[in-house]
N, C-alpha and C. Protein backbone atom coordinates (compact mmCIF):
# COMPACT_ATOMS: atom_id res chain seq x y z
N SER A 1 50.16 73.37 -69.82
CA SER A 1 49.17 74.13 -69.01
C SER A 1 48.48 73.10 -68.13
N GLN A 2 47.84 73.68 -67.06
CA GLN A 2 47.13 72.70 -66.15
C GLN A 2 45.75 72.35 -66.68
N GLY A 3 45.44 71.13 -66.37
CA GLY A 3 44.20 70.64 -66.85
C GLY A 3 43.39 69.81 -65.72
N LEU A 4 42.20 69.54 -66.00
CA LEU A 4 41.43 68.82 -64.92
C LEU A 4 40.91 67.50 -65.50
N LEU A 5 41.07 66.41 -64.84
CA LEU A 5 40.50 65.07 -65.11
C LEU A 5 39.63 64.68 -64.02
N LYS A 6 38.38 64.54 -64.29
CA LYS A 6 37.41 64.10 -63.20
C LYS A 6 37.00 62.66 -63.40
N VAL A 7 37.23 61.75 -62.38
CA VAL A 7 36.78 60.41 -62.54
C VAL A 7 35.76 60.13 -61.47
N VAL A 8 34.67 59.52 -61.85
CA VAL A 8 33.62 59.28 -61.03
C VAL A 8 33.45 57.84 -60.77
N PHE A 9 33.52 57.20 -59.48
CA PHE A 9 33.31 55.90 -59.14
C PHE A 9 31.90 55.66 -58.53
N ASN A 10 31.37 54.52 -58.82
CA ASN A 10 30.05 54.21 -58.11
C ASN A 10 30.19 53.59 -56.78
N GLU A 11 29.17 53.15 -56.27
CA GLU A 11 29.18 52.53 -54.81
C GLU A 11 29.93 51.35 -54.79
N GLN A 12 30.38 50.55 -55.86
CA GLN A 12 31.06 49.53 -55.88
C GLN A 12 32.70 49.60 -55.73
N ALA A 13 32.99 50.96 -55.68
CA ALA A 13 34.46 51.37 -55.64
C ALA A 13 35.04 50.94 -54.27
N THR A 14 36.15 50.25 -54.36
CA THR A 14 36.90 50.02 -53.18
C THR A 14 38.26 50.71 -53.33
N SER A 15 39.00 50.69 -52.16
CA SER A 15 40.30 51.35 -52.29
C SER A 15 41.19 50.67 -53.23
N GLU A 16 41.16 49.38 -53.36
CA GLU A 16 41.90 48.68 -54.30
C GLU A 16 41.51 48.93 -55.76
N ARG A 17 40.16 49.05 -56.03
CA ARG A 17 39.80 49.35 -57.43
C ARG A 17 40.11 50.81 -57.81
N VAL A 18 39.98 51.68 -56.90
CA VAL A 18 40.34 53.10 -57.16
C VAL A 18 41.84 53.18 -57.44
N ASN A 19 42.72 52.61 -56.62
CA ASN A 19 44.16 52.62 -56.86
C ASN A 19 44.47 51.93 -58.06
N ALA A 20 43.96 50.91 -58.46
CA ALA A 20 44.17 50.23 -59.72
C ALA A 20 43.76 51.19 -60.89
N ALA A 21 42.65 51.84 -60.85
CA ALA A 21 42.26 52.82 -61.96
C ALA A 21 43.21 53.85 -62.05
N LEU A 22 43.63 54.49 -60.98
CA LEU A 22 44.75 55.57 -61.01
C LEU A 22 46.02 55.17 -61.62
N GLU A 23 46.43 53.91 -61.21
CA GLU A 23 47.71 53.49 -61.68
C GLU A 23 47.65 53.10 -63.26
N ASP A 24 46.52 53.00 -63.75
CA ASP A 24 46.43 52.68 -65.17
C ASP A 24 46.23 53.81 -66.05
N VAL A 25 46.34 54.99 -65.48
CA VAL A 25 46.16 56.30 -66.31
C VAL A 25 47.47 56.50 -67.09
N ARG A 26 47.34 56.88 -68.36
CA ARG A 26 48.46 57.20 -69.16
C ARG A 26 48.31 58.56 -69.73
N TYR A 27 49.35 59.28 -70.23
CA TYR A 27 49.28 60.67 -70.56
C TYR A 27 49.89 60.84 -71.96
N ARG A 28 49.23 61.69 -72.75
CA ARG A 28 49.83 61.96 -74.10
C ARG A 28 49.57 63.43 -74.26
N HIS A 29 50.57 64.11 -74.77
CA HIS A 29 50.45 65.58 -75.24
C HIS A 29 51.23 65.70 -76.58
N ALA A 30 50.57 66.15 -77.59
CA ALA A 30 51.20 66.15 -78.88
C ALA A 30 52.43 66.98 -78.99
N ALA A 31 52.40 67.96 -78.13
CA ALA A 31 53.64 68.90 -78.12
C ALA A 31 54.69 68.59 -77.21
N ASP A 32 54.54 67.46 -76.43
CA ASP A 32 55.47 67.15 -75.38
C ASP A 32 56.48 66.16 -75.85
N ASP A 33 57.70 66.49 -75.83
CA ASP A 33 58.72 65.49 -76.25
C ASP A 33 59.67 65.02 -75.12
N ASN A 34 59.23 65.30 -73.85
CA ASN A 34 60.04 64.91 -72.74
C ASN A 34 59.91 63.40 -72.49
N ARG A 35 61.11 62.87 -72.04
CA ARG A 35 61.02 61.55 -71.63
C ARG A 35 60.61 61.33 -70.22
N GLY A 36 60.42 60.11 -69.67
CA GLY A 36 60.14 59.83 -68.31
C GLY A 36 58.72 59.87 -67.95
N ASN A 37 58.50 60.27 -66.59
CA ASN A 37 57.20 60.12 -66.07
C ASN A 37 56.63 61.59 -65.75
N VAL A 38 55.25 61.63 -65.55
CA VAL A 38 54.65 62.78 -65.07
C VAL A 38 54.04 62.61 -63.75
N ASP A 39 54.39 63.44 -62.83
CA ASP A 39 53.88 63.29 -61.47
C ASP A 39 52.53 63.89 -61.24
N LEU A 40 51.53 63.16 -60.77
CA LEU A 40 50.19 63.71 -60.53
C LEU A 40 49.84 63.66 -59.16
N VAL A 41 48.96 64.74 -58.73
CA VAL A 41 48.40 64.76 -57.39
C VAL A 41 46.85 64.58 -57.66
N TRP A 42 46.23 63.66 -57.00
CA TRP A 42 44.86 63.42 -57.02
C TRP A 42 44.21 63.80 -55.87
N THR A 43 43.10 64.60 -55.98
CA THR A 43 42.27 65.03 -54.88
C THR A 43 40.95 64.08 -54.88
N LEU A 44 40.80 63.35 -53.83
CA LEU A 44 39.67 62.36 -53.83
C LEU A 44 38.62 62.85 -52.82
N THR A 45 37.40 62.81 -53.38
CA THR A 45 36.34 63.33 -52.51
C THR A 45 35.31 62.19 -52.37
N ASP A 46 34.96 61.74 -51.19
CA ASP A 46 34.04 60.64 -51.08
C ASP A 46 32.56 61.17 -50.99
N ALA A 47 31.59 60.23 -50.74
CA ALA A 47 30.20 60.54 -50.80
C ALA A 47 29.83 61.43 -49.56
N ASP A 48 30.68 61.45 -48.57
CA ASP A 48 30.41 62.38 -47.33
C ASP A 48 31.19 63.64 -47.43
N HIS A 49 31.74 63.92 -48.69
CA HIS A 49 32.41 65.19 -48.98
C HIS A 49 33.88 65.31 -48.21
N GLN A 50 34.32 64.17 -47.80
CA GLN A 50 35.62 64.20 -47.13
C GLN A 50 36.73 64.05 -48.25
N THR A 51 37.74 64.82 -48.16
CA THR A 51 38.75 64.84 -49.23
C THR A 51 40.06 64.27 -48.68
N SER A 52 40.84 63.64 -49.54
CA SER A 52 42.15 63.27 -49.28
C SER A 52 42.96 63.37 -50.57
N GLN A 53 44.28 63.33 -50.42
CA GLN A 53 45.17 63.44 -51.60
C GLN A 53 45.90 62.13 -51.87
N ALA A 54 46.20 61.82 -53.09
CA ALA A 54 46.96 60.64 -53.46
C ALA A 54 47.95 61.14 -54.54
N HIS A 55 49.04 60.46 -54.51
CA HIS A 55 50.16 60.80 -55.63
C HIS A 55 50.39 59.58 -56.44
N SER A 56 50.55 59.81 -57.78
CA SER A 56 50.92 58.72 -58.65
C SER A 56 51.71 59.27 -59.82
N ARG A 57 52.36 58.42 -60.51
CA ARG A 57 53.18 58.72 -61.70
C ARG A 57 52.65 58.13 -62.84
N VAL A 58 52.57 58.83 -63.96
CA VAL A 58 51.99 58.25 -65.24
C VAL A 58 53.14 58.41 -66.34
N ARG A 59 53.26 57.42 -67.20
CA ARG A 59 54.29 57.40 -68.21
C ARG A 59 53.75 58.18 -69.33
N LEU A 60 54.57 59.01 -70.02
CA LEU A 60 54.31 59.67 -71.26
C LEU A 60 54.07 58.59 -72.32
N ILE A 61 53.05 58.80 -73.09
CA ILE A 61 52.76 57.83 -74.25
C ILE A 61 53.20 58.48 -75.47
N ASP A 62 53.85 57.69 -76.31
CA ASP A 62 54.20 58.22 -77.69
C ASP A 62 54.09 56.96 -78.56
N SER A 63 53.94 57.21 -79.88
CA SER A 63 53.67 56.16 -80.71
C SER A 63 54.87 55.43 -81.21
N ASP A 64 56.06 55.98 -80.80
CA ASP A 64 57.38 55.36 -81.14
C ASP A 64 58.22 55.14 -79.98
N ARG A 65 57.67 55.20 -78.78
CA ARG A 65 58.42 54.93 -77.50
C ARG A 65 57.67 54.11 -76.60
N ILE A 66 58.42 53.11 -76.01
CA ILE A 66 57.64 52.04 -75.15
C ILE A 66 58.59 51.84 -73.89
N TYR A 67 58.04 51.57 -72.91
CA TYR A 67 58.74 51.26 -71.60
C TYR A 67 58.59 49.82 -71.29
N VAL A 68 59.73 49.17 -71.02
CA VAL A 68 59.70 47.77 -70.51
C VAL A 68 59.48 47.91 -68.97
N THR A 69 58.38 47.15 -68.49
CA THR A 69 58.05 47.28 -67.06
C THR A 69 58.26 46.02 -66.23
N THR A 70 58.72 44.92 -66.89
CA THR A 70 58.82 43.67 -66.06
C THR A 70 60.04 43.01 -66.67
N ALA A 71 60.82 42.24 -65.88
CA ALA A 71 61.90 41.35 -66.30
C ALA A 71 61.35 39.98 -66.62
N ALA A 72 60.08 39.72 -66.60
CA ALA A 72 59.45 38.37 -66.91
C ALA A 72 59.64 38.12 -68.39
N ARG A 73 59.78 36.87 -68.70
CA ARG A 73 59.90 36.44 -70.07
C ARG A 73 58.45 35.91 -70.65
N GLU A 74 57.54 36.85 -70.83
CA GLU A 74 56.18 36.52 -71.28
C GLU A 74 55.83 37.43 -72.37
N VAL A 75 55.05 36.82 -73.30
CA VAL A 75 54.36 37.62 -74.41
C VAL A 75 52.91 37.42 -74.34
N ASP A 76 52.22 38.32 -73.66
CA ASP A 76 50.74 38.12 -73.56
C ASP A 76 49.99 39.35 -73.83
N GLY A 77 50.74 40.30 -74.47
CA GLY A 77 50.06 41.60 -74.90
C GLY A 77 50.06 41.70 -76.40
N ASP A 78 49.39 42.68 -76.93
CA ASP A 78 49.26 42.88 -78.40
C ASP A 78 50.48 43.51 -78.95
N THR A 79 51.28 42.76 -79.64
CA THR A 79 52.54 43.30 -80.18
C THR A 79 52.35 43.72 -81.65
N SER A 80 51.24 44.03 -82.09
CA SER A 80 51.02 44.29 -83.54
C SER A 80 51.63 45.90 -83.83
N SER A 81 51.80 46.60 -82.70
CA SER A 81 52.41 47.87 -82.85
C SER A 81 52.71 48.43 -81.40
N ILE A 82 53.41 49.43 -81.25
CA ILE A 82 53.82 50.06 -79.99
C ILE A 82 52.46 50.55 -79.37
N ALA A 83 51.61 51.20 -80.07
CA ALA A 83 50.43 51.87 -79.52
C ALA A 83 49.52 50.64 -79.05
N ALA A 84 49.39 49.57 -79.85
CA ALA A 84 48.56 48.42 -79.55
C ALA A 84 49.12 47.81 -78.25
N LEU A 85 50.42 47.72 -77.99
CA LEU A 85 50.98 47.11 -76.90
C LEU A 85 50.74 47.96 -75.54
N ILE A 86 50.82 49.29 -75.82
CA ILE A 86 50.59 50.17 -74.65
C ILE A 86 49.05 49.97 -74.21
N ALA A 87 48.13 49.89 -75.18
CA ALA A 87 46.79 49.87 -74.96
C ALA A 87 46.42 48.47 -74.33
N ASN A 88 47.14 47.34 -74.71
CA ASN A 88 46.75 46.07 -74.24
C ASN A 88 48.09 45.27 -74.00
N SER A 89 48.60 45.52 -72.78
CA SER A 89 49.90 44.95 -72.40
C SER A 89 49.87 43.58 -71.73
N GLY A 90 48.67 43.06 -71.59
CA GLY A 90 48.37 41.81 -70.91
C GLY A 90 48.53 41.98 -69.43
N GLY A 91 48.58 40.85 -68.72
CA GLY A 91 48.58 40.96 -67.29
C GLY A 91 49.81 41.10 -66.50
N THR A 92 50.98 41.09 -67.15
CA THR A 92 52.23 40.94 -66.45
C THR A 92 53.06 42.20 -66.71
N GLY A 93 52.57 43.22 -67.37
CA GLY A 93 53.43 44.35 -67.76
C GLY A 93 54.05 44.14 -69.09
N ILE A 94 54.95 44.94 -69.47
CA ILE A 94 55.57 44.91 -70.86
C ILE A 94 56.92 44.32 -70.75
N SER A 95 57.28 43.23 -71.41
CA SER A 95 58.55 42.56 -71.29
C SER A 95 59.31 43.14 -72.59
N LEU A 96 60.69 42.86 -72.40
CA LEU A 96 61.54 43.23 -73.44
C LEU A 96 61.20 42.56 -74.74
N GLU A 97 60.90 41.18 -74.71
CA GLU A 97 60.34 40.53 -75.82
C GLU A 97 59.27 41.32 -76.58
N GLU A 98 58.24 41.62 -75.77
CA GLU A 98 57.02 42.36 -76.28
C GLU A 98 57.40 43.68 -76.92
N ALA A 99 58.31 44.38 -76.21
CA ALA A 99 58.69 45.68 -76.72
C ALA A 99 59.40 45.50 -78.08
N ILE A 100 60.34 44.60 -78.24
CA ILE A 100 61.04 44.36 -79.49
C ILE A 100 60.04 43.97 -80.61
N LEU A 101 59.13 43.04 -80.35
CA LEU A 101 58.16 42.73 -81.37
C LEU A 101 57.26 43.80 -81.72
N ALA A 102 56.86 44.63 -80.83
CA ALA A 102 56.08 45.82 -81.03
C ALA A 102 56.74 46.86 -81.90
N ALA A 103 58.09 47.12 -81.58
CA ALA A 103 58.82 48.04 -82.37
C ALA A 103 59.09 47.50 -83.74
N ASN A 104 59.38 46.19 -83.82
CA ASN A 104 59.52 45.65 -85.20
C ASN A 104 58.34 45.97 -86.04
N ASN A 105 57.15 45.96 -85.43
CA ASN A 105 55.84 46.06 -86.24
C ASN A 105 55.37 47.57 -86.28
N THR A 106 56.26 48.45 -85.77
CA THR A 106 55.83 49.85 -85.81
C THR A 106 56.78 50.57 -86.86
N GLU A 107 56.16 51.21 -87.87
CA GLU A 107 57.05 51.90 -88.87
C GLU A 107 57.72 53.06 -88.28
N ASN A 108 58.95 53.23 -88.61
CA ASN A 108 59.66 54.38 -88.05
C ASN A 108 59.46 55.63 -88.91
N GLU A 109 58.76 56.60 -88.18
CA GLU A 109 58.48 57.85 -88.95
C GLU A 109 59.30 59.01 -88.54
N ASN A 110 59.77 59.09 -87.31
CA ASN A 110 60.66 60.20 -86.84
C ASN A 110 61.96 59.65 -86.37
N GLY A 111 62.62 58.82 -87.03
CA GLY A 111 63.81 58.11 -86.50
C GLY A 111 63.39 56.79 -85.91
N ALA A 112 64.38 56.24 -85.30
CA ALA A 112 64.30 54.90 -84.71
C ALA A 112 63.26 54.95 -83.42
N ASP A 113 62.57 53.80 -83.47
CA ASP A 113 61.67 53.72 -82.17
C ASP A 113 62.64 53.57 -81.05
N GLU A 114 62.04 53.83 -79.76
CA GLU A 114 62.85 53.77 -78.58
C GLU A 114 62.13 52.73 -77.64
N ILE A 115 63.00 51.87 -76.99
CA ILE A 115 62.55 51.01 -75.91
C ILE A 115 63.40 51.47 -74.72
N LEU A 116 62.61 51.96 -73.75
CA LEU A 116 63.16 52.43 -72.49
C LEU A 116 62.77 51.48 -71.38
N PHE A 117 63.28 51.71 -70.17
CA PHE A 117 63.00 50.74 -69.01
C PHE A 117 62.45 51.51 -67.83
N ASP A 118 61.50 50.91 -67.20
CA ASP A 118 60.87 51.48 -65.97
C ASP A 118 60.40 50.27 -65.17
N ILE A 119 61.25 49.47 -64.72
CA ILE A 119 60.92 48.32 -63.86
C ILE A 119 60.87 48.64 -62.49
N ASP A 120 59.86 48.35 -61.78
CA ASP A 120 59.77 48.71 -60.37
C ASP A 120 60.80 47.95 -59.45
N GLY A 121 61.34 48.70 -58.44
CA GLY A 121 62.30 48.11 -57.60
C GLY A 121 63.68 48.65 -57.82
N ASP A 122 64.47 48.70 -56.71
CA ASP A 122 65.84 49.16 -56.87
C ASP A 122 66.75 48.09 -57.21
N GLY A 123 67.96 48.49 -57.57
CA GLY A 123 68.97 47.43 -57.84
C GLY A 123 68.92 46.91 -59.28
N VAL A 124 69.54 45.79 -59.49
CA VAL A 124 69.75 45.20 -60.79
C VAL A 124 68.56 44.25 -61.10
N HIS A 125 68.08 44.36 -62.36
CA HIS A 125 66.94 43.50 -62.81
C HIS A 125 67.50 42.62 -63.85
N VAL A 126 67.33 41.30 -63.68
CA VAL A 126 67.91 40.23 -64.63
C VAL A 126 66.83 39.71 -65.48
N ILE A 127 66.98 39.72 -66.78
CA ILE A 127 66.09 38.98 -67.69
C ILE A 127 66.78 37.68 -68.15
N VAL A 128 66.21 36.54 -67.73
CA VAL A 128 67.02 35.33 -67.87
C VAL A 128 66.33 34.41 -68.96
N GLY A 129 67.27 33.79 -69.80
CA GLY A 129 66.61 32.87 -70.81
C GLY A 129 67.27 33.08 -72.08
N ALA A 130 66.80 32.20 -73.05
CA ALA A 130 67.31 32.33 -74.50
C ALA A 130 67.10 33.66 -75.03
N GLY A 131 67.76 33.84 -76.19
CA GLY A 131 67.76 35.19 -76.90
C GLY A 131 66.46 35.77 -77.24
N GLN A 132 66.42 37.02 -77.38
CA GLN A 132 65.24 37.94 -77.63
C GLN A 132 64.86 37.73 -79.14
N PRO A 133 63.77 38.19 -79.57
CA PRO A 133 63.29 38.26 -80.91
C PRO A 133 64.46 38.96 -81.79
N ASP A 134 64.71 38.59 -83.00
CA ASP A 134 65.54 39.35 -83.89
C ASP A 134 64.97 40.82 -84.03
N ILE A 135 65.90 41.74 -84.04
CA ILE A 135 65.57 43.18 -84.24
C ILE A 135 65.52 43.35 -85.79
N THR A 136 64.37 43.60 -86.36
CA THR A 136 64.21 43.70 -87.81
C THR A 136 63.95 45.17 -88.26
N ASP A 137 63.78 46.19 -87.36
CA ASP A 137 63.67 47.51 -87.75
C ASP A 137 64.37 48.43 -86.72
N ALA A 138 64.96 49.49 -87.28
CA ALA A 138 65.77 50.29 -86.39
C ALA A 138 65.19 50.63 -85.07
N VAL A 139 65.91 50.55 -83.97
CA VAL A 139 65.36 50.80 -82.70
C VAL A 139 66.54 51.18 -81.69
N THR A 140 66.31 52.00 -80.82
CA THR A 140 67.12 52.25 -79.68
C THR A 140 66.83 51.65 -78.45
N ILE A 141 67.49 50.71 -77.89
CA ILE A 141 67.30 50.03 -76.71
C ILE A 141 68.06 50.68 -75.61
N ASP A 142 67.50 51.53 -74.82
CA ASP A 142 68.31 52.38 -73.88
C ASP A 142 68.00 51.90 -72.42
N ALA A 143 68.89 50.90 -71.87
CA ALA A 143 68.62 50.50 -70.60
C ALA A 143 69.21 51.42 -69.50
N ALA A 144 69.91 52.40 -70.06
CA ALA A 144 70.41 53.52 -69.15
C ALA A 144 69.23 54.39 -68.66
N SER A 145 68.02 54.18 -69.25
CA SER A 145 66.89 55.00 -68.75
C SER A 145 66.24 54.41 -67.44
N GLN A 146 66.69 53.24 -67.13
CA GLN A 146 66.16 52.59 -65.86
C GLN A 146 66.45 53.52 -64.62
N SER A 147 65.48 53.79 -63.86
CA SER A 147 65.72 54.76 -62.70
C SER A 147 66.80 54.22 -61.81
N GLY A 148 67.74 55.00 -61.40
CA GLY A 148 68.87 54.71 -60.49
C GLY A 148 70.17 54.50 -61.28
N PHE A 149 70.01 54.39 -62.63
CA PHE A 149 71.29 54.28 -63.43
C PHE A 149 72.23 55.33 -63.24
N VAL A 150 73.53 55.07 -62.96
CA VAL A 150 74.55 56.03 -62.94
C VAL A 150 75.71 55.73 -63.84
N ASP A 151 76.47 54.69 -63.45
CA ASP A 151 77.53 54.30 -64.22
C ASP A 151 77.71 52.76 -64.44
N ARG A 152 76.73 52.08 -63.82
CA ARG A 152 76.74 50.64 -63.89
C ARG A 152 75.27 50.06 -64.38
N PRO A 153 75.37 49.10 -65.31
CA PRO A 153 74.07 48.59 -65.85
C PRO A 153 73.12 48.04 -64.77
N LEU A 154 71.82 48.44 -64.87
CA LEU A 154 70.82 47.91 -63.94
C LEU A 154 70.03 46.85 -64.68
N ILE A 155 70.14 46.74 -65.93
CA ILE A 155 69.37 45.78 -66.66
C ILE A 155 70.44 44.74 -67.33
N VAL A 156 70.17 43.52 -66.90
CA VAL A 156 71.05 42.38 -67.39
C VAL A 156 70.23 41.38 -68.12
N LEU A 157 70.78 41.07 -69.27
CA LEU A 157 70.13 40.03 -70.28
C LEU A 157 71.09 38.80 -70.07
N ASP A 158 70.65 37.70 -69.38
CA ASP A 158 71.42 36.67 -68.96
C ASP A 158 70.91 35.43 -69.78
N GLY A 159 71.72 34.87 -70.60
CA GLY A 159 71.40 33.70 -71.36
C GLY A 159 71.40 32.30 -70.54
N ASN A 160 72.08 32.35 -69.49
CA ASN A 160 72.04 31.11 -68.64
C ASN A 160 72.59 30.02 -69.57
N ASP A 161 73.75 30.35 -70.21
CA ASP A 161 74.37 29.36 -71.17
C ASP A 161 73.46 28.86 -72.27
N ALA A 162 72.46 29.60 -72.68
CA ALA A 162 71.56 29.11 -73.66
C ALA A 162 72.30 29.24 -75.03
N ALA A 163 71.84 28.41 -76.01
CA ALA A 163 72.43 28.54 -77.40
C ALA A 163 71.93 29.85 -78.06
N GLY A 164 72.72 30.18 -79.07
CA GLY A 164 72.24 31.42 -79.79
C GLY A 164 72.85 32.68 -79.26
N ASN A 165 72.29 33.82 -79.74
CA ASN A 165 72.75 35.13 -79.37
C ASN A 165 71.76 35.82 -78.46
N GLY A 166 72.35 36.79 -77.74
CA GLY A 166 71.55 37.62 -76.82
C GLY A 166 70.53 38.51 -77.62
N LEU A 167 71.13 39.21 -78.58
CA LEU A 167 70.37 40.13 -79.44
C LEU A 167 70.86 40.00 -80.80
N THR A 168 69.99 39.93 -81.82
CA THR A 168 70.41 39.86 -83.23
C THR A 168 69.88 41.04 -83.93
N ILE A 169 70.65 41.79 -84.60
CA ILE A 169 70.38 42.98 -85.35
C ILE A 169 70.31 42.63 -86.88
N THR A 170 69.27 42.48 -87.45
CA THR A 170 69.26 42.03 -88.90
C THR A 170 69.63 43.08 -89.83
N ALA A 171 69.81 42.72 -91.23
CA ALA A 171 70.27 43.68 -92.14
C ALA A 171 69.13 44.80 -92.40
N THR A 172 67.95 44.66 -92.05
CA THR A 172 66.95 45.65 -92.18
C THR A 172 66.82 46.61 -90.95
N ALA A 173 67.70 46.39 -89.99
CA ALA A 173 67.54 47.20 -88.73
C ALA A 173 68.87 48.17 -88.60
N ALA A 174 69.35 48.59 -89.73
CA ALA A 174 70.54 49.54 -89.70
C ALA A 174 70.17 50.79 -88.93
N GLY A 175 70.99 51.31 -88.06
CA GLY A 175 70.78 52.47 -87.24
C GLY A 175 70.40 52.02 -85.80
N THR A 176 70.28 50.73 -85.49
CA THR A 176 69.89 50.30 -84.15
C THR A 176 71.12 50.67 -83.17
N GLU A 177 70.72 51.05 -81.99
CA GLU A 177 71.59 51.38 -80.94
C GLU A 177 71.19 50.65 -79.65
N ILE A 178 72.21 50.06 -78.94
CA ILE A 178 72.02 49.42 -77.65
C ILE A 178 72.79 50.16 -76.63
N ARG A 179 72.15 50.54 -75.59
CA ARG A 179 72.80 51.42 -74.63
C ARG A 179 72.57 50.85 -73.15
N GLY A 180 73.60 50.88 -72.40
CA GLY A 180 73.52 50.56 -70.89
C GLY A 180 72.92 49.16 -70.50
N LEU A 181 73.13 48.16 -71.45
CA LEU A 181 72.57 46.87 -71.22
C LEU A 181 73.74 45.92 -71.05
N LEU A 182 73.76 45.15 -69.95
CA LEU A 182 74.78 44.13 -69.75
C LEU A 182 74.19 42.84 -70.25
N ILE A 183 74.94 42.12 -71.22
CA ILE A 183 74.63 40.91 -71.85
C ILE A 183 75.70 39.78 -71.57
N ARG A 184 75.18 38.64 -71.07
CA ARG A 184 76.17 37.73 -70.62
C ARG A 184 75.67 36.27 -70.73
N ASP A 185 76.62 35.36 -70.73
CA ASP A 185 76.33 33.94 -70.62
C ASP A 185 75.42 33.41 -71.77
N PHE A 186 75.64 33.90 -73.06
CA PHE A 186 75.04 33.25 -74.25
C PHE A 186 76.10 32.43 -75.08
N ALA A 187 75.75 31.35 -75.48
CA ALA A 187 76.84 30.46 -76.16
C ALA A 187 77.27 31.22 -77.46
N GLY A 188 76.38 32.06 -78.08
CA GLY A 188 76.77 32.71 -79.30
C GLY A 188 77.28 34.03 -78.90
N HIS A 189 76.86 35.09 -79.67
CA HIS A 189 77.29 36.41 -79.34
C HIS A 189 76.34 37.12 -78.48
N GLY A 190 76.86 38.20 -77.69
CA GLY A 190 76.01 38.98 -76.93
C GLY A 190 75.00 39.81 -77.84
N ILE A 191 75.62 40.39 -78.87
CA ILE A 191 74.88 41.14 -79.90
C ILE A 191 75.51 40.62 -81.25
N ALA A 192 74.65 39.98 -82.01
CA ALA A 192 75.05 39.56 -83.43
C ALA A 192 74.57 40.62 -84.35
N ILE A 193 75.44 41.08 -85.25
CA ILE A 193 75.01 42.15 -86.35
C ILE A 193 75.17 41.48 -87.62
N GLU A 194 74.03 41.30 -88.33
CA GLU A 194 74.15 40.71 -89.69
C GLU A 194 74.73 41.64 -90.64
N ALA A 195 75.26 41.00 -91.78
CA ALA A 195 75.79 41.82 -92.82
C ALA A 195 74.67 42.81 -93.37
N GLY A 196 75.02 44.00 -93.63
CA GLY A 196 74.17 44.91 -94.27
C GLY A 196 73.65 45.90 -93.10
N SER A 197 73.79 45.48 -91.82
CA SER A 197 73.36 46.38 -90.87
C SER A 197 74.54 47.24 -90.40
N GLU A 198 74.23 48.22 -89.44
CA GLU A 198 75.31 49.09 -88.99
C GLU A 198 75.23 49.26 -87.51
């Protein structure tokens, strides 16, 4: 159903600050199980009662679903759980490393957690460097969720000839699925599956 969110800015508001505030809005609805984004139309009214409209997209928030938003290799957010990382993602967006750590630390209640992708920009996004954290709890990493995906991977995990594996699924992470992800140039395996996992 339709709802109304009213945001009031003081005299210190600049276009940059208003845009930043609108971009940081997240949406949660307990009965909503759709993936992807929600499109919003904002009606802005200034002190002179002049109105204008702005459009933005907000990600659906779910306690067992998280979006990777950057190809950077940084861990500067709170990875104690998926909910904590969404609330405090640090200054560079959410990396695949952060998403895996947060999913590892989030108990699976309704099936495996989901790691989806929503990195800005068209074309292929390359995550370069040594392997990601071990996957210790069942998770679905769905790189086919990246906008623009049709039949070729848009998310690449490139080891740049680094030692070790690209991804490691441990014995405690049975049920893990990896979709639509291109993994290349690791000295070990692209995906290593430990005994006891499936």
